[in-house]
Amino acid sequence: MKRREVVKGALMAGSLAVLGLPQAQAQEAGAFVKAKREVPRTTPGKIDVVEFFWYGCPHCFHFEPALNEWIKKLPSDVHFMKVPVRWPSNRVNFEGHQKLYFTLEALGKMPAAHAKVFDAMHKDKNPLANDAQIFDFAVSIGINREEFANMYKSFAVSTKCAKATGLMEAYGPDGVPTLGIDGKFMTSASIAGTEENALRVADLLIKRARQG
């Protein structure tokens, strides 16, 4: 898919040195794109970092271990959140997977259930293609079917889904997984070259946001 303007500028030499990036990798590791439109911070004094993802995406599944380790090391002034994407589609159940995420979150089943969804789709080859399959999955991991269904269909979950879709549309990622930084920039393995580079670029953009 077409990306917006890719910025492959020279990053600050000092920042590169801190991250241990060889100068030869500076160009590749400095890849990021501008958000479609700037998004206000959700919390004063906190730098927002967003991972746009989809449960059915194999790249998102494989990115999880490295991302989780990176999240553990984020500074206290960074607010990290996951945002399940929802693109128009007649073939993919983006809406159901988005509702699944926020239902599990609302029921206090995260982060353990998050990993179980990925495993179901990528290890067990369960597409979670409709509500019945999603409800069956919830029961399989020990959640009461009625409790899950009520939350899944609730106004609270619908509101969270609408906000997530609005945030996705504001940033405008072309694919997943994509990291959004401070409401202004995005990076990913496809943009920065590798998953490792994407996380390094995210670190640099966080530093840049902190410096104003």
C-alpha atoms as a PDB file:
ATOM      1  CA  MET A   1       0.000   0.000   0.000  1.00  0.00           C
ATOM      2  CA  LYS A   2       1.081   3.544  -0.675  1.00  0.00           C
ATOM      3  CA  ARG A   3       2.772   5.322   2.203  1.00  0.00           C
ATOM      4  CA  ARG A   4       2.884   9.010   2.859  1.00  0.00           C
ATOM      5  CA  GLU A   5       6.130  10.903   2.709  1.00  0.00           C
ATOM      6  CA  VAL A   6       8.913   8.848   4.227  1.00  0.00           C
ATOM      7  CA  VAL A   7      11.427  10.838   6.185  1.00  0.00           C
ATOM      8  CA  LYS A   8      14.865   9.286   5.980  1.00  0.00           C
ATOM      9  CA  GLY A   9      16.840  12.125   7.433  1.00  0.00           C
ATOM     10  CA  ALA A  10      20.066  12.044   9.356  1.00  0.00           C
ATOM     11  CA  LEU A  11      19.341  11.585  13.051  1.00  0.00           C
ATOM     12  CA  MET A  12      21.244  13.382  15.769  1.00  0.00           C
ATOM     13  CA  ALA A  13      24.701  11.835  16.083  1.00  0.00           C
ATOM     14  CA  GLY A  14      24.472  11.941  19.850  1.00  0.00           C
ATOM     15  CA  SER A  15      21.221   9.989  19.898  1.00  0.00           C
ATOM     16  CA  LEU A  16      22.648   7.395  17.544  1.00  0.00           C
ATOM     17  CA  ALA A  17      25.681   6.994  19.766  1.00  0.00           C
ATOM     18  CA  VAL A  18      23.484   6.480  22.829  1.00  0.00           C
ATOM     19  CA  LEU A  19      21.606   3.715  21.035  1.00  0.00           C
ATOM     20  CA  GLY A  20      24.799   2.144  19.740  1.00  0.00           C
ATOM     21  CA  LEU A  21      23.768   2.389  16.104  1.00  0.00           C
ATOM     22  CA  PRO A  22      26.650   2.324  13.616  1.00  0.00           C
ATOM     23  CA  GLN A  23      26.721   5.371  11.383  1.00  0.00           C
ATOM     24  CA  ALA A  24      26.263   3.100   8.360  1.00  0.00           C
ATOM     25  CA  GLN A  25      22.826   2.135   9.704  1.00  0.00           C
ATOM     26  CA  ALA A  26      21.725   5.671  10.475  1.00  0.00           C
ATOM     27  CA  GLN A  27      19.884   6.173   7.215  1.00  0.00           C
ATOM     28  CA  GLU A  28      17.944   2.920   7.495  1.00  0.00           C
ATOM     29  CA  ALA A  29      17.254   3.219  11.221  1.00  0.00           C
ATOM     30  CA  GLY A  30      16.049   6.796  10.807  1.00  0.00           C
ATOM     31  CA  ALA A  31      13.000   5.878   8.753  1.00  0.00           C
ATOM     32  CA  PHE A  32       9.634   7.123   9.942  1.00  0.00           C
ATOM     33  CA  VAL A  33       6.537   8.695   8.445  1.00  0.00           C
ATOM     34  CA  LYS A  34       4.369  11.592   9.454  1.00  0.00           C
ATOM     35  CA  ALA A  35       0.940  10.942  10.902  1.00  0.00           C
ATOM     36  CA  LYS A  36      -1.953  11.887   8.652  1.00  0.00           C
ATOM     37  CA  ARG A  37      -2.923  14.550  11.158  1.00  0.00           C
ATOM     38  CA  GLU A  38      -1.516  15.439  14.571  1.00  0.00           C
ATOM     39  CA  VAL A  39      -3.185  13.788  17.544  1.00  0.00           C
ATOM     40  CA  PRO A  40      -3.325  15.553  20.950  1.00  0.00           C
ATOM     41  CA  ARG A  41      -1.713  13.769  23.877  1.00  0.00           C
ATOM     42  CA  THR A  42      -4.119  11.734  25.971  1.00  0.00           C
ATOM     43  CA  THR A  43      -2.383  12.593  29.257  1.00  0.00           C
ATOM     44  CA  PRO A  44      -0.613  15.895  30.070  1.00  0.00           C
ATOM     45  CA  GLY A  45       3.116  15.340  30.495  1.00  0.00           C
ATOM     46  CA  LYS A  46       2.996  11.858  28.950  1.00  0.00           C
ATOM     47  CA  ILE A  47       4.311  10.850  25.525  1.00  0.00           C
ATOM     48  CA  ASP A  48       1.841   8.588  23.780  1.00  0.00           C
ATOM     49  CA  VAL A  49       3.109   5.466  22.029  1.00  0.00           C
ATOM     50  CA  VAL A  50       0.529   3.417  20.157  1.00  0.00           C
ATOM     51  CA  GLU A  51       0.850  -0.002  18.578  1.00  0.00           C
ATOM     52  CA  PHE A  52      -1.650  -0.472  15.766  1.00  0.00           C
ATOM     53  CA  PHE A  53      -2.180  -4.196  15.316  1.00  0.00           C
ATOM     54  CA  TRP A  54      -4.539  -6.900  14.096  1.00  0.00           C
ATOM     55  CA  TYR A  55      -4.842 -10.316  15.699  1.00  0.00           C
ATOM     56  CA  GLY A  56      -4.829 -12.048  12.327  1.00  0.00           C
ATOM     57  CA  CYS A  57      -1.585 -10.425  11.191  1.00  0.00           C
ATOM     58  CA  PRO A  58       1.389 -12.862  11.286  1.00  0.00           C
ATOM     59  CA  HIS A  59       3.807  -9.942  11.528  1.00  0.00           C
ATOM     60  CA  CYS A  60       1.996  -8.658  14.627  1.00  0.00           C
ATOM     61  CA  PHE A  61       2.178 -12.143  16.132  1.00  0.00           C
ATOM     62  CA  HIS A  62       5.920 -12.407  15.539  1.00  0.00           C
ATOM     63  CA  PHE A  63       6.526  -8.843  16.756  1.00  0.00           C
ATOM     64  CA  GLU A  64       4.925  -9.494  20.158  1.00  0.00           C
ATOM     65  CA  PRO A  65       7.942 -10.929  22.051  1.00  0.00           C
ATOM     66  CA  ALA A  66      10.313  -8.104  21.073  1.00  0.00           C
ATOM     67  CA  LEU A  67       7.623  -5.481  21.625  1.00  0.00           C
ATOM     68  CA  ASN A  68       6.758  -6.805  25.089  1.00  0.00           C
ATOM     69  CA  GLU A  69      10.389  -6.680  26.165  1.00  0.00           C
ATOM     70  CA  TRP A  70      10.674  -3.135  24.826  1.00  0.00           C
ATOM     71  CA  ILE A  71       7.522  -2.032  26.670  1.00  0.00           C
ATOM     72  CA  LYS A  72       9.006  -3.190  29.987  1.00  0.00           C
ATOM     73  CA  LYS A  73      11.848  -0.692  29.549  1.00  0.00           C
ATOM     74  CA  LEU A  74       9.787   2.352  28.606  1.00  0.00           C
ATOM     75  CA  PRO A  75      10.357   5.438  30.787  1.00  0.00           C
ATOM     76  CA  SER A  76       7.678   6.588  33.220  1.00  0.00           C
ATOM     77  CA  ASP A  77       6.767   9.563  31.040  1.00  0.00           C
ATOM     78  CA  VAL A  78       5.600   7.267  28.198  1.00  0.00           C
ATOM     79  CA  HIS A  79       1.997   6.115  27.954  1.00  0.00           C
ATOM     80  CA  PHE A  80       1.778   2.950  25.855  1.00  0.00           C
ATOM     81  CA  MET A  81      -1.442   1.570  24.418  1.00  0.00           C
ATOM     82  CA  LYS A  82      -2.454  -1.089  21.922  1.00  0.00           C
ATOM     83  CA  VAL A  83      -5.027  -0.202  19.287  1.00  0.00           C
ATOM     84  CA  PRO A  84      -6.675  -2.947  17.205  1.00  0.00           C
ATOM     85  CA  VAL A  85      -7.271  -1.677  13.681  1.00  0.00           C
ATOM     86  CA  ARG A  86     -10.539  -1.760  11.807  1.00  0.00           C
ATOM     87  CA  TRP A  87     -10.412  -1.375   8.047  1.00  0.00           C
ATOM     88  CA  PRO A  88     -13.421  -1.818   5.763  1.00  0.00           C
ATOM     89  CA  SER A  89     -13.499  -5.444   4.604  1.00  0.00           C
ATOM     90  CA  ASN A  90     -15.979  -8.064   3.492  1.00  0.00           C
ATOM     91  CA  ARG A  91     -13.510 -10.894   4.092  1.00  0.00           C
ATOM     92  CA  VAL A  92     -11.812 -10.074   7.397  1.00  0.00           C
ATOM     93  CA  ASN A  93     -13.580  -9.741  10.763  1.00  0.00           C
ATOM     94  CA  PHE A  94     -11.771  -6.571  11.829  1.00  0.00           C
ATOM     95  CA  GLU A  95     -14.818  -5.359  13.770  1.00  0.00           C
ATOM     96  CA  GLY A  96     -15.147  -8.583  15.751  1.00  0.00           C
ATOM     97  CA  HIS A  97     -11.447  -8.723  16.564  1.00  0.00           C
ATOM     98  CA  GLN A  98     -11.494  -5.116  17.692  1.00  0.00           C
ATOM     99  CA  LYS A  99     -14.476  -5.800  19.955  1.00  0.00           C
ATOM    100  CA  LEU A 100     -12.758  -8.949  21.227  1.00  0.00           C
ATOM    101  CA  TYR A 101      -9.738  -6.951  22.377  1.00  0.00           C
ATOM    102  CA  PHE A 102     -11.749  -4.327  24.241  1.00  0.00           C
ATOM    103  CA  THR A 103     -14.083  -6.927  25.756  1.00  0.00           C
ATOM    104  CA  LEU A 104     -11.158  -8.875  27.192  1.00  0.00           C
ATOM    105  CA  GLU A 105      -9.671  -5.621  28.457  1.00  0.00           C
ATOM    106  CA  ALA A 106     -12.948  -4.568  30.093  1.00  0.00           C
ATOM    107  CA  LEU A 107     -13.265  -7.966  31.783  1.00  0.00           C
ATOM    108  CA  GLY A 108      -9.773  -7.644  33.245  1.00  0.00           C
ATOM    109  CA  LYS A 109      -8.378 -10.582  31.265  1.00  0.00           C
ATOM    110  CA  MET A 110      -5.363  -8.798  29.842  1.00  0.00           C
ATOM    111  CA  PRO A 111      -2.523  -9.381  29.135  1.00  0.00           C
ATOM    112  CA  ALA A 112      -2.814 -13.180  29.408  1.00  0.00           C
ATOM    113  CA  ALA A 113      -5.844 -13.401  27.118  1.00  0.00           C
ATOM    114  CA  HIS A 114      -4.150 -11.205  24.511  1.00  0.00           C
ATOM    115  CA  ALA A 115      -1.488 -13.850  23.945  1.00  0.00           C
ATOM    116  CA  LYS A 116      -4.140 -16.582  23.847  1.00  0.00           C
ATOM    117  CA  VAL A 117      -5.969 -14.829  20.999  1.00  0.00           C
ATOM    118  CA  PHE A 118      -2.765 -14.683  18.959  1.00  0.00           C
ATOM    119  CA  ASP A 119      -2.094 -18.354  19.701  1.00  0.00           C
ATOM    120  CA  ALA A 120      -5.625 -19.320  18.705  1.00  0.00           C
ATOM    121  CA  MET A 121      -5.330 -17.609  15.347  1.00  0.00           C
ATOM    122  CA  HIS A 122      -1.732 -18.445  14.448  1.00  0.00           C
ATOM    123  CA  LYS A 123      -1.049 -21.736  16.196  1.00  0.00           C
ATOM    124  CA  ASP A 124      -4.501 -23.319  16.311  1.00  0.00           C
ATOM    125  CA  LYS A 125      -5.580 -21.791  12.969  1.00  0.00           C
ATOM    126  CA  ASN A 126      -8.859 -20.557  14.441  1.00  0.00           C
ATOM    127  CA  PRO A 127      -9.884 -17.531  12.321  1.00  0.00           C
ATOM    128  CA  LEU A 128     -12.376 -16.176  14.878  1.00  0.00           C
ATOM    129  CA  ALA A 129     -14.363 -15.268  11.797  1.00  0.00           C
ATOM    130  CA  ASN A 130     -17.673 -14.483  13.488  1.00  0.00           C
ATOM    131  CA  ASP A 131     -19.290 -13.839  16.857  1.00  0.00           C
ATOM    132  CA  ALA A 132     -20.047 -17.521  17.482  1.00  0.00           C
ATOM    133  CA  GLN A 133     -16.377 -18.475  17.059  1.00  0.00           C
ATOM    134  CA  ILE A 134     -15.304 -15.568  19.243  1.00  0.00           C
ATOM    135  CA  PHE A 135     -17.758 -16.519  21.992  1.00  0.00           C
ATOM    136  CA  ASP A 136     -16.627 -20.153  21.816  1.00  0.00           C
ATOM    137  CA  PHE A 137     -13.034 -18.994  22.153  1.00  0.00           C
ATOM    138  CA  ALA A 138     -13.912 -16.923  25.222  1.00  0.00           C
ATOM    139  CA  VAL A 139     -15.472 -19.987  26.844  1.00  0.00           C
ATOM    140  CA  SER A 140     -12.385 -22.057  25.961  1.00  0.00           C
ATOM    141  CA  ILE A 141     -10.200 -19.745  28.040  1.00  0.00           C
ATOM    142  CA  GLY A 142     -12.510 -19.842  31.033  1.00  0.00           C
ATOM    143  CA  ILE A 143     -14.832 -16.867  30.519  1.00  0.00           C
ATOM    144  CA  ASN A 144     -18.565 -17.166  31.100  1.00  0.00           C
ATOM    145  CA  ARG A 145     -20.296 -16.991  27.719  1.00  0.00           C
ATOM    146  CA  GLU A 146     -23.139 -14.723  28.824  1.00  0.00           C
ATOM    147  CA  GLU A 147     -20.823 -12.361  30.677  1.00  0.00           C
ATOM    148  CA  PHE A 148     -18.551 -12.123  27.656  1.00  0.00           C
ATOM    149  CA  ALA A 149     -21.421 -11.660  25.183  1.00  0.00           C
ATOM    150  CA  ASN A 150     -23.012  -8.898  27.261  1.00  0.00           C
ATOM    151  CA  MET A 151     -19.755  -6.957  27.434  1.00  0.00           C
ATOM    152  CA  TYR A 152     -18.979  -7.617  23.765  1.00  0.00           C
ATOM    153  CA  LYS A 153     -22.303  -6.028  22.792  1.00  0.00           C
ATOM    154  CA  SER A 154     -22.103  -3.213  25.340  1.00  0.00           C
ATOM    155  CA  PHE A 155     -22.091   0.528  24.751  1.00  0.00           C
ATOM    156  CA  ALA A 156     -18.778   0.767  26.624  1.00  0.00           C
ATOM    157  CA  VAL A 157     -17.021  -1.563  24.175  1.00  0.00           C
ATOM    158  CA  SER A 158     -18.645   0.139  21.185  1.00  0.00           C
ATOM    159  CA  THR A 159     -17.374   3.491  22.457  1.00  0.00           C
ATOM    160  CA  LYS A 160     -13.822   2.173  22.845  1.00  0.00           C
ATOM    161  CA  CYS A 161     -13.955   0.713  19.345  1.00  0.00           C
ATOM    162  CA  ALA A 162     -15.096   4.031  17.914  1.00  0.00           C
ATOM    163  CA  LYS A 163     -12.281   5.880  19.679  1.00  0.00           C
ATOM    164  CA  ALA A 164      -9.739   3.327  18.463  1.00  0.00           C
ATOM    165  CA  THR A 165     -10.936   3.655  14.890  1.00  0.00           C
ATOM    166  CA  GLY A 166     -10.809   7.428  15.156  1.00  0.00           C
ATOM    167  CA  LEU A 167      -7.229   7.275  16.418  1.00  0.00           C
ATOM    168  CA  MET A 168      -6.277   4.893  13.619  1.00  0.00           C
ATOM    169  CA  GLU A 169      -7.812   7.192  11.022  1.00  0.00           C
ATOM    170  CA  ALA A 170      -5.991  10.195  12.489  1.00  0.00           C
ATOM    171  CA  TYR A 171      -2.571   8.531  12.360  1.00  0.00           C
ATOM    172  CA  GLY A 172      -3.332   6.750   9.094  1.00  0.00           C
ATOM    173  CA  PRO A 173      -1.146   3.609   9.246  1.00  0.00           C
ATOM    174  CA  ASP A 174      -0.913   1.747   5.943  1.00  0.00           C
ATOM    175  CA  GLY A 175      -0.286  -1.605   7.599  1.00  0.00           C
ATOM    176  CA  VAL A 176       0.349  -3.385  10.871  1.00  0.00           C
ATOM    177  CA  PRO A 177       2.155  -3.615  13.168  1.00  0.00           C
ATOM    178  CA  THR A 178       2.868   0.116  13.227  1.00  0.00           C
ATOM    179  CA  LEU A 179       4.049   2.240  16.139  1.00  0.00           C
ATOM    180  CA  GLY A 180       2.624   5.737  16.495  1.00  0.00           C
ATOM    181  CA  ILE A 181       4.737   8.197  18.477  1.00  0.00           C
ATOM    182  CA  ASP A 182       3.470  11.337  20.239  1.00  0.00           C
ATOM    183  CA  GLY A 183       0.609  11.832  17.816  1.00  0.00           C
ATOM    184  CA  LYS A 184       2.994  12.937  15.079  1.00  0.00           C
ATOM    185  CA  PHE A 185       5.033  10.090  13.639  1.00  0.00           C
ATOM    186  CA  MET A 186       4.899   6.386  12.813  1.00  0.00           C
ATOM    187  CA  THR A 187       7.469   3.689  12.275  1.00  0.00           C
ATOM    188  CA  SER A 188       7.425  -0.040  11.583  1.00  0.00           C
ATOM    189  CA  ALA A 189       9.629  -2.866  10.369  1.00  0.00           C
ATOM    190  CA  SER A 190       8.514  -2.216   6.798  1.00  0.00           C
ATOM    191  CA  ILE A 191       9.504   1.445   7.090  1.00  0.00           C
ATOM    192  CA  ALA A 192      12.663   1.150   9.204  1.00  0.00           C
ATOM    193  CA  GLY A 193      13.899  -2.080   7.663  1.00  0.00           C
ATOM    194  CA  THR A 194      13.656  -4.462  10.621  1.00  0.00           C
ATOM    195  CA  GLU A 195      11.694  -4.849  13.848  1.00  0.00           C
ATOM    196  CA  GLU A 196      14.825  -3.965  15.815  1.00  0.00           C
ATOM    197  CA  ASN A 197      15.308  -0.778  13.818  1.00  0.00           C
ATOM    198  CA  ALA A 198      11.653   0.155  14.266  1.00  0.00           C
ATOM    199  CA  LEU A 199      12.010  -0.032  18.045  1.00  0.00           C
ATOM    200  CA  ARG A 200      15.232   1.978  17.918  1.00  0.00           C
ATOM    201  CA  VAL A 201      13.558   4.631  15.793  1.00  0.00           C
ATOM    202  CA  ALA A 202      10.671   4.712  18.260  1.00  0.00           C
ATOM    203  CA  ASP A 203      13.193   5.307  21.057  1.00  0.00           C
ATOM    204  CA  LEU A 204      14.666   8.218  19.139  1.00  0.00           C
ATOM    205  CA  LEU A 205      11.264   9.722  18.428  1.00  0.00           C
ATOM    206  CA  ILE A 206      10.382   9.454  22.124  1.00  0.00           C
ATOM    207  CA  LYS A 207      13.593  11.322  22.983  1.00  0.00           C
ATOM    208  CA  ARG A 208      12.761  13.899  20.335  1.00  0.00           C
ATOM    209  CA  ALA A 209       9.271  14.354  21.797  1.00  0.00           C
ATOM    210  CA  ARG A 210      10.715  14.755  25.284  1.00  0.00           C
ATOM    211  CA  GLN A 211      13.075  17.474  24.068  1.00  0.00           C
ATOM    212  CA  GLY A 212      10.186  19.343  22.481  1.00  0.00           C
END
